[in-house]
Amino acid sequence: MPQYGYFLSCEQYGPAELIEQARMAEQAGFQALWISDHYHPWNDEQGQSPFVWSVIGALSEAVSLPVGTAVTCPTVRTHPAVVAQAAATSAVMAPGEFRLGVGTGEALNEHILGDAWPPAHVRLEMLEEAIQVMRRLFTGEEVNHHGAHYTVENARLYTLPDQPVPIDISGFGPAATKLAARVGDGYITMMPDDSMVEQYRKGGGGGKPVSGGTKVCYGTDRDDCVRTVHRLWANEQLPGELGQVLPSPRHFEQAQTLVTEDMVRENRVCGDDVDEHVAELRQFADAGFDRIYVNQIGPDLRGFFDFYRTKVLPQLQQAG
């Protein structure tokens, strides 16, 4: 049976709100937590972006659920040696398993120090080298590394978990999925595409965990939910590589003018129809996902968690 978790959105909520949502998620019967890692929100309406590692530290004291990042970019904004230290400390503090989800990132978050934003194939090379650096540091040995993209001198992590931090790799296309299969401890993708899962497993992923997530907007007024999603998360309906290359929230706001409420209505679960919510998550289970996370976009968080506790999660668990 898949594990069902809650996806904490650092783009939309501040630290105290995220911690309270995590508590409600645990009480509602969710089995794990994901948390996004951003420097900026996608648009100003979302309005938040706390430092993820501080929030993870607080989560370790607030709940007993396993936590993972979805996802951290350890290549441009933050050097992989620093990410390794943050992840190792998080794993030591976490009451359950901590998993480091990584990806090639977006210009929105990563170009803030003035670094050039590389093309996709270079970002994949950087990610693979970053993973090599972090894995060496997770052994506790002193690391000296002079690679194509990173230099590390006399670096050693002293605060380490008993086992190396597992690294899950995010992939939305064949090249990233191939990398995840070859070097990842797990695979993350946000579409319930069984062909991508099959590529990952046949490419070397074997029985390693496949994780995915989705956003919904629970509420009793479907049209109001559609308007809420359109206002806050219209960026998710933008096509192609825009999400990776647009440099600032205002550019996403400009692009989002192309997204209509009808597009949201067709592509996002809105309202309080139990069958629609169950079907949205079940499609990930049917595609072979092991861990499935859901995020509530709308303001009725207590209603959402009660709805999932009493109606949605029991059906999904029976289906397993």
Protein backbone atom coordinates (compact mmCIF):
# COMPACT_ATOMS: atom_id res chain seq x y z
CA MET A 1 0.00 0.00 0.00
CA PRO A 2 1.36 3.47 -0.81
CA GLN A 3 2.20 5.86 1.98
CA TYR A 4 0.16 9.07 1.97
CA GLY A 5 1.79 12.28 3.15
CA TYR A 6 1.13 16.00 3.40
CA PHE A 7 3.07 18.53 1.30
CA LEU A 8 3.99 21.70 3.23
CA SER A 9 4.22 24.78 1.00
CA CYS A 10 6.93 27.24 2.02
CA GLU A 11 5.77 29.53 -0.79
CA GLN A 12 2.36 30.12 0.77
CA TYR A 13 2.83 29.91 4.54
CA GLY A 14 5.12 31.23 7.24
CA PRO A 15 6.97 29.04 9.76
CA ALA A 16 4.34 28.98 12.52
CA GLU A 17 1.58 28.11 10.05
CA LEU A 18 3.67 25.29 8.54
CA ILE A 19 4.32 23.78 11.96
CA GLU A 20 0.62 23.91 12.83
CA GLN A 21 -0.26 22.25 9.51
CA ALA A 22 2.25 19.50 10.23
CA ARG A 23 0.59 18.84 13.58
CA MET A 24 -2.84 18.72 11.94
CA ALA A 25 -1.50 16.40 9.23
CA GLU A 26 -0.20 13.95 11.83
CA GLN A 27 -3.48 14.04 13.74
CA ALA A 28 -5.40 13.46 10.50
CA GLY A 29 -3.51 10.26 9.76
CA PHE A 30 -0.99 11.39 7.15
CA GLN A 31 2.13 9.25 7.33
CA ALA A 32 4.89 11.62 6.18
CA LEU A 33 5.72 15.21 5.32
CA TRP A 34 7.24 16.88 2.32
CA ILE A 35 8.39 20.50 2.41
CA SER A 36 9.34 22.80 -0.45
CA ASP A 37 12.66 24.69 -0.50
CA HIS A 38 12.43 28.15 -2.09
CA TYR A 39 14.08 31.54 -1.85
CA HIS A 40 11.10 33.26 -3.50
CA PRO A 41 7.44 32.35 -3.84
CA TRP A 42 6.23 31.87 -7.41
CA ASN A 43 4.20 35.09 -7.15
CA ASP A 44 3.52 37.79 -4.60
CA GLU A 45 0.03 36.44 -3.86
CA GLN A 46 1.58 33.34 -2.31
CA GLY A 47 3.57 35.73 -0.20
CA GLN A 48 6.02 33.64 1.88
CA SER A 49 9.34 31.84 1.64
CA PRO A 50 10.91 30.89 5.00
CA PHE A 51 14.33 29.24 5.21
CA VAL A 52 13.49 25.57 4.96
CA TRP A 53 16.21 24.25 7.28
CA SER A 54 14.96 26.36 10.18
CA VAL A 55 11.44 25.04 9.63
CA ILE A 56 12.69 21.43 9.48
CA GLY A 57 14.40 21.93 12.83
CA ALA A 58 11.10 23.06 14.32
CA LEU A 59 9.25 20.16 12.68
CA SER A 60 11.59 17.71 14.40
CA GLU A 61 10.29 18.92 17.75
CA ALA A 62 6.64 19.31 16.75
CA VAL A 63 5.78 16.00 15.07
CA SER A 64 7.01 12.42 14.79
CA LEU A 65 6.50 12.06 11.03
CA PRO A 66 9.33 11.44 8.56
CA VAL A 67 10.26 14.54 6.56
CA GLY A 68 11.75 15.13 3.12
CA THR A 69 12.57 18.15 1.00
CA ALA A 70 10.74 18.47 -2.30
CA VAL A 71 13.04 19.66 -3.52
CA THR A 72 16.34 21.26 -2.62
CA CYS A 73 18.67 22.53 -5.33
CA PRO A 74 22.26 21.91 -4.11
CA THR A 75 24.03 23.46 -7.07
CA VAL A 76 23.93 27.26 -7.41
CA ARG A 77 22.39 29.25 -4.55
CA THR A 78 23.74 26.86 -1.90
CA HIS A 79 26.99 24.88 -2.24
CA PRO A 80 26.55 21.11 -1.90
CA ALA A 81 28.94 21.01 1.07
CA VAL A 82 26.59 23.34 2.96
CA VAL A 83 23.49 21.41 1.90
CA ALA A 84 25.17 18.22 3.12
CA GLN A 85 25.70 19.74 6.56
CA ALA A 86 22.11 20.97 6.72
CA ALA A 87 20.72 17.59 5.63
CA ALA A 88 22.92 15.63 8.03
CA THR A 89 21.86 17.79 10.98
CA SER A 90 18.20 17.48 9.95
CA ALA A 91 18.56 13.70 9.82
CA VAL A 92 20.07 13.65 13.32
CA MET A 93 17.19 15.75 14.68
CA ALA A 94 14.34 14.09 12.81
CA PRO A 95 12.31 11.62 14.90
CA GLY A 96 11.51 9.68 11.71
CA GLU A 97 13.48 9.21 8.51
CA PHE A 98 14.77 12.33 6.80
CA ARG A 99 15.20 12.20 3.02
CA LEU A 100 16.95 14.85 0.95
CA GLY A 101 15.01 15.44 -2.24
CA VAL A 102 17.13 17.24 -4.83
CA GLY A 103 16.64 18.67 -8.31
CA THR A 104 18.16 21.01 -10.85
CA GLY A 105 16.16 23.97 -9.57
CA GLU A 106 14.70 27.12 -11.06
CA ALA A 107 16.20 30.49 -11.94
CA LEU A 108 13.52 32.00 -9.67
CA ASN A 109 15.48 30.81 -6.63
CA GLU A 110 18.98 30.09 -7.82
CA HIS A 111 20.20 33.16 -9.72
CA ILE A 112 19.90 35.57 -6.76
CA LEU A 113 23.66 35.86 -6.22
CA GLY A 114 24.23 36.90 -9.83
CA ASP A 115 25.38 33.51 -11.07
CA ALA A 116 24.62 32.57 -14.65
CA TRP A 117 21.68 30.19 -15.02
CA PRO A 118 23.04 27.21 -16.99
CA PRO A 119 21.16 25.21 -19.63
CA ALA A 120 19.42 22.01 -18.56
CA HIS A 121 22.19 19.56 -19.50
CA VAL A 122 24.76 21.55 -17.51
CA ARG A 123 22.42 21.71 -14.51
CA LEU A 124 22.18 17.91 -14.59
CA GLU A 125 25.98 17.63 -14.65
CA MET A 126 26.17 19.99 -11.68
CA LEU A 127 23.55 18.02 -9.79
CA GLU A 128 25.38 14.72 -10.30
CA GLU A 129 28.66 16.21 -9.07
CA ALA A 130 26.88 17.81 -6.10
CA ILE A 131 25.45 14.42 -5.13
CA GLN A 132 28.93 12.88 -5.30
CA VAL A 133 30.26 15.58 -2.97
CA MET A 134 27.40 15.17 -0.49
CA ARG A 135 27.67 11.38 -0.43
CA ARG A 136 31.36 11.58 0.38
CA LEU A 137 30.66 14.05 3.19
CA PHE A 138 27.95 11.78 4.61
CA THR A 139 30.64 9.15 5.27
CA GLY A 140 32.30 11.43 7.82
CA GLU A 141 35.63 11.41 6.01
CA GLU A 142 37.60 14.54 5.21
CA VAL A 143 36.76 15.54 1.67
CA ASN A 144 38.97 17.25 -0.88
CA HIS A 145 37.31 17.62 -4.23
CA HIS A 146 38.33 19.56 -7.33
CA GLY A 147 35.69 18.94 -9.96
CA ALA A 148 34.30 20.58 -13.05
CA HIS A 149 31.82 22.64 -11.01
CA TYR A 150 32.77 22.45 -7.32
CA THR A 151 35.82 22.72 -5.11
CA VAL A 152 35.86 21.35 -1.56
CA GLU A 153 38.92 21.56 0.68
CA ASN A 154 39.43 19.87 4.05
CA ALA A 155 35.69 19.53 4.64
CA ARG A 156 34.39 17.06 7.20
CA LEU A 157 30.96 16.67 8.77
CA TYR A 158 31.10 15.87 12.47
CA THR A 159 27.35 15.75 13.19
CA LEU A 160 26.04 12.77 11.25
CA PRO A 161 23.12 10.32 11.42
CA ASP A 162 23.84 6.61 11.88
CA GLN A 163 23.17 5.98 8.18
CA PRO A 164 23.92 8.30 5.22
CA VAL A 165 21.05 10.58 4.29
CA PRO A 166 19.09 9.05 1.38
CA ILE A 167 19.01 11.31 -1.68
CA ASP A 168 15.91 11.29 -3.89
CA ILE A 169 16.26 12.88 -7.32
CA SER A 170 13.51 14.83 -9.03
CA GLY A 171 12.96 14.25 -12.73
CA PHE A 172 10.31 15.43 -15.20
CA GLY A 173 11.94 14.24 -18.41
CA PRO A 174 13.97 11.28 -19.69
CA ALA A 175 17.44 12.71 -18.93
CA ALA A 176 16.71 13.57 -15.29
CA THR A 177 14.84 10.29 -14.81
CA LYS A 178 17.87 8.42 -16.18
CA LEU A 179 20.10 10.22 -13.68
CA ALA A 180 17.71 9.41 -10.84
CA ALA A 181 17.71 5.74 -11.82
CA ARG A 182 21.49 5.63 -12.01
CA VAL A 183 22.54 7.48 -8.86
CA GLY A 184 19.45 8.22 -6.73
CA ASP A 185 18.16 6.50 -3.60
CA GLY A 186 14.66 7.32 -4.81
CA TYR A 187 12.79 9.16 -7.56
CA ILE A 188 10.48 12.18 -7.40
CA THR A 189 8.13 13.25 -10.17
CA MET A 190 4.94 15.28 -10.02
CA MET A 191 2.96 13.60 -12.78
CA PRO A 192 1.25 10.20 -12.30
CA ASP A 193 2.97 8.86 -15.42
CA ASP A 194 3.52 5.11 -15.29
CA SER A 195 5.93 5.29 -18.24
CA MET A 196 8.31 7.50 -16.23
CA VAL A 197 8.08 5.14 -13.26
CA GLU A 198 8.81 2.23 -15.58
CA GLN A 199 11.81 4.05 -17.09
CA TYR A 200 13.13 4.72 -13.60
CA ARG A 201 12.72 1.13 -12.41
CA LYS A 202 14.15 -0.45 -15.55
CA GLY A 203 17.01 2.07 -15.69
CA GLY A 204 18.40 1.03 -12.30
CA GLY A 205 15.82 2.29 -9.80
CA GLY A 206 14.59 -1.23 -9.08
CA GLY A 207 12.64 -1.32 -5.84
CA LYS A 208 13.71 2.11 -4.60
CA PRO A 209 10.86 4.45 -3.60
CA VAL A 210 9.03 6.57 -6.16
CA SER A 211 7.37 9.69 -4.71
CA GLY A 212 4.95 12.19 -6.19
CA GLY A 213 2.65 14.94 -5.14
CA THR A 214 -0.31 17.05 -6.11
CA LYS A 215 -2.22 20.13 -4.95
CA VAL A 216 -5.95 20.32 -4.33
CA CYS A 217 -8.31 23.00 -3.07
CA TYR A 218 -10.85 21.65 -0.62
CA GLY A 219 -13.88 23.83 0.08
CA THR A 220 -17.65 23.70 -0.04
CA ASP A 221 -17.92 26.19 -2.94
CA ARG A 222 -16.26 24.77 -6.04
CA ASP A 223 -16.24 28.07 -7.95
CA ASP A 224 -14.64 29.85 -5.01
CA CYS A 225 -11.98 27.12 -4.87
CA VAL A 226 -11.26 27.59 -8.58
CA ARG A 227 -10.81 31.33 -8.04
CA THR A 228 -8.50 30.67 -5.10
CA VAL A 229 -6.28 28.32 -7.12
CA HIS A 230 -6.24 30.75 -10.05
CA ARG A 231 -5.14 33.57 -7.74
CA LEU A 232 -2.46 31.62 -5.87
CA TRP A 233 -1.18 28.81 -8.10
CA ALA A 234 -1.95 29.68 -11.73
CA ASN A 235 1.80 29.25 -12.34
CA GLU A 236 1.31 25.47 -12.28
CA GLN A 237 -0.58 25.66 -15.58
CA LEU A 238 2.29 27.33 -17.44
CA PRO A 239 3.77 25.10 -20.15
CA GLY A 240 7.26 23.86 -20.96
CA GLU A 241 10.38 25.23 -19.31
CA LEU A 242 8.96 28.57 -18.16
CA GLY A 243 9.03 27.35 -14.57
CA GLN A 244 12.76 26.74 -14.79
CA VAL A 245 13.87 29.91 -16.59
CA LEU A 246 11.70 32.85 -15.49
CA PRO A 247 13.81 34.83 -13.00
CA SER A 248 11.39 36.56 -10.62
CA PRO A 249 7.86 36.42 -9.15
CA ARG A 250 6.79 39.39 -11.28
CA HIS A 251 7.70 37.47 -14.45
CA PHE A 252 5.51 34.58 -13.32
CA GLU A 253 2.72 37.06 -12.61
CA GLN A 254 3.03 38.34 -16.18
CA ALA A 255 2.99 34.82 -17.61
CA GLN A 256 0.04 33.79 -15.44
CA THR A 257 -2.21 36.22 -17.30
CA LEU A 258 -2.32 33.51 -19.98
CA VAL A 259 -3.91 31.05 -17.53
CA THR A 260 -7.72 31.07 -17.33
CA GLU A 261 -10.04 29.90 -14.58
CA ASP A 262 -11.33 27.24 -16.98
CA MET A 263 -7.79 25.84 -17.26
CA VAL A 264 -7.67 25.57 -13.47
CA ARG A 265 -11.11 23.96 -13.35
CA GLU A 266 -10.03 21.31 -15.85
CA ASN A 267 -6.67 20.52 -14.27
CA ARG A 268 -7.00 20.88 -10.51
CA VAL A 269 -9.29 19.16 -8.01
CA CYS A 270 -11.48 21.86 -6.44
CA GLY A 271 -14.36 21.42 -4.00
CA ASP A 272 -15.57 18.72 -1.64
CA ASP A 273 -16.36 15.78 -3.92
CA VAL A 274 -14.81 12.81 -2.12
CA ASP A 275 -14.57 10.73 -5.27
CA GLU A 276 -12.58 13.44 -7.09
CA HIS A 277 -10.05 13.74 -4.27
CA VAL A 278 -9.70 9.95 -4.00
CA ALA A 279 -9.28 9.61 -7.76
CA GLU A 280 -6.60 12.32 -7.86
CA LEU A 281 -4.38 10.45 -5.39
CA ARG A 282 -5.31 6.98 -6.61
CA GLN A 283 -3.94 7.75 -10.08
CA PHE A 284 -0.48 8.02 -8.50
CA ALA A 285 -0.97 4.68 -6.73
CA ASP A 286 -2.12 3.08 -9.99
CA ALA A 287 1.00 4.42 -11.75
CA GLY A 288 3.24 2.63 -9.24
CA PHE A 289 4.11 5.39 -6.77
CA ASP A 290 5.16 4.36 -3.27
CA ARG A 291 4.72 7.73 -1.54
CA ILE A 292 2.03 10.23 -2.47
CA TYR A 293 1.78 13.74 -1.02
CA VAL A 294 -1.07 16.23 -1.19
CA ASN A 295 -1.16 19.97 -0.48
CA GLN A 296 -4.22 22.05 0.39
CA ILE A 297 -4.22 25.38 -1.45
CA GLY A 298 -7.33 26.93 0.08
CA PRO A 299 -7.74 28.64 3.46
CA ASP A 300 -9.96 26.00 5.10
CA LEU A 301 -7.15 23.88 6.45
CA ARG A 302 -9.06 22.44 9.39
CA GLY A 303 -11.86 21.48 7.03
CA PHE A 304 -9.36 19.89 4.66
CA PHE A 305 -7.67 17.79 7.33
CA ASP A 306 -11.00 16.66 8.79
CA PHE A 307 -12.23 15.80 5.28
CA TYR A 308 -9.14 13.70 4.55
CA ARG A 309 -9.15 12.08 8.01
CA THR A 310 -12.77 10.96 7.83
CA LYS A 311 -13.45 10.46 4.11
CA VAL A 312 -10.46 10.45 1.78
CA LEU A 313 -7.66 8.59 3.55
CA PRO A 314 -9.90 5.72 4.71
CA GLN A 315 -10.97 5.06 1.11
CA LEU A 316 -7.40 5.21 -0.16
CA GLN A 317 -6.23 2.82 2.55
CA GLN A 318 -9.05 0.40 1.77
CA ALA A 319 -8.14 0.57 -1.91
CA GLY A 320 -4.61 -0.54 -1.10
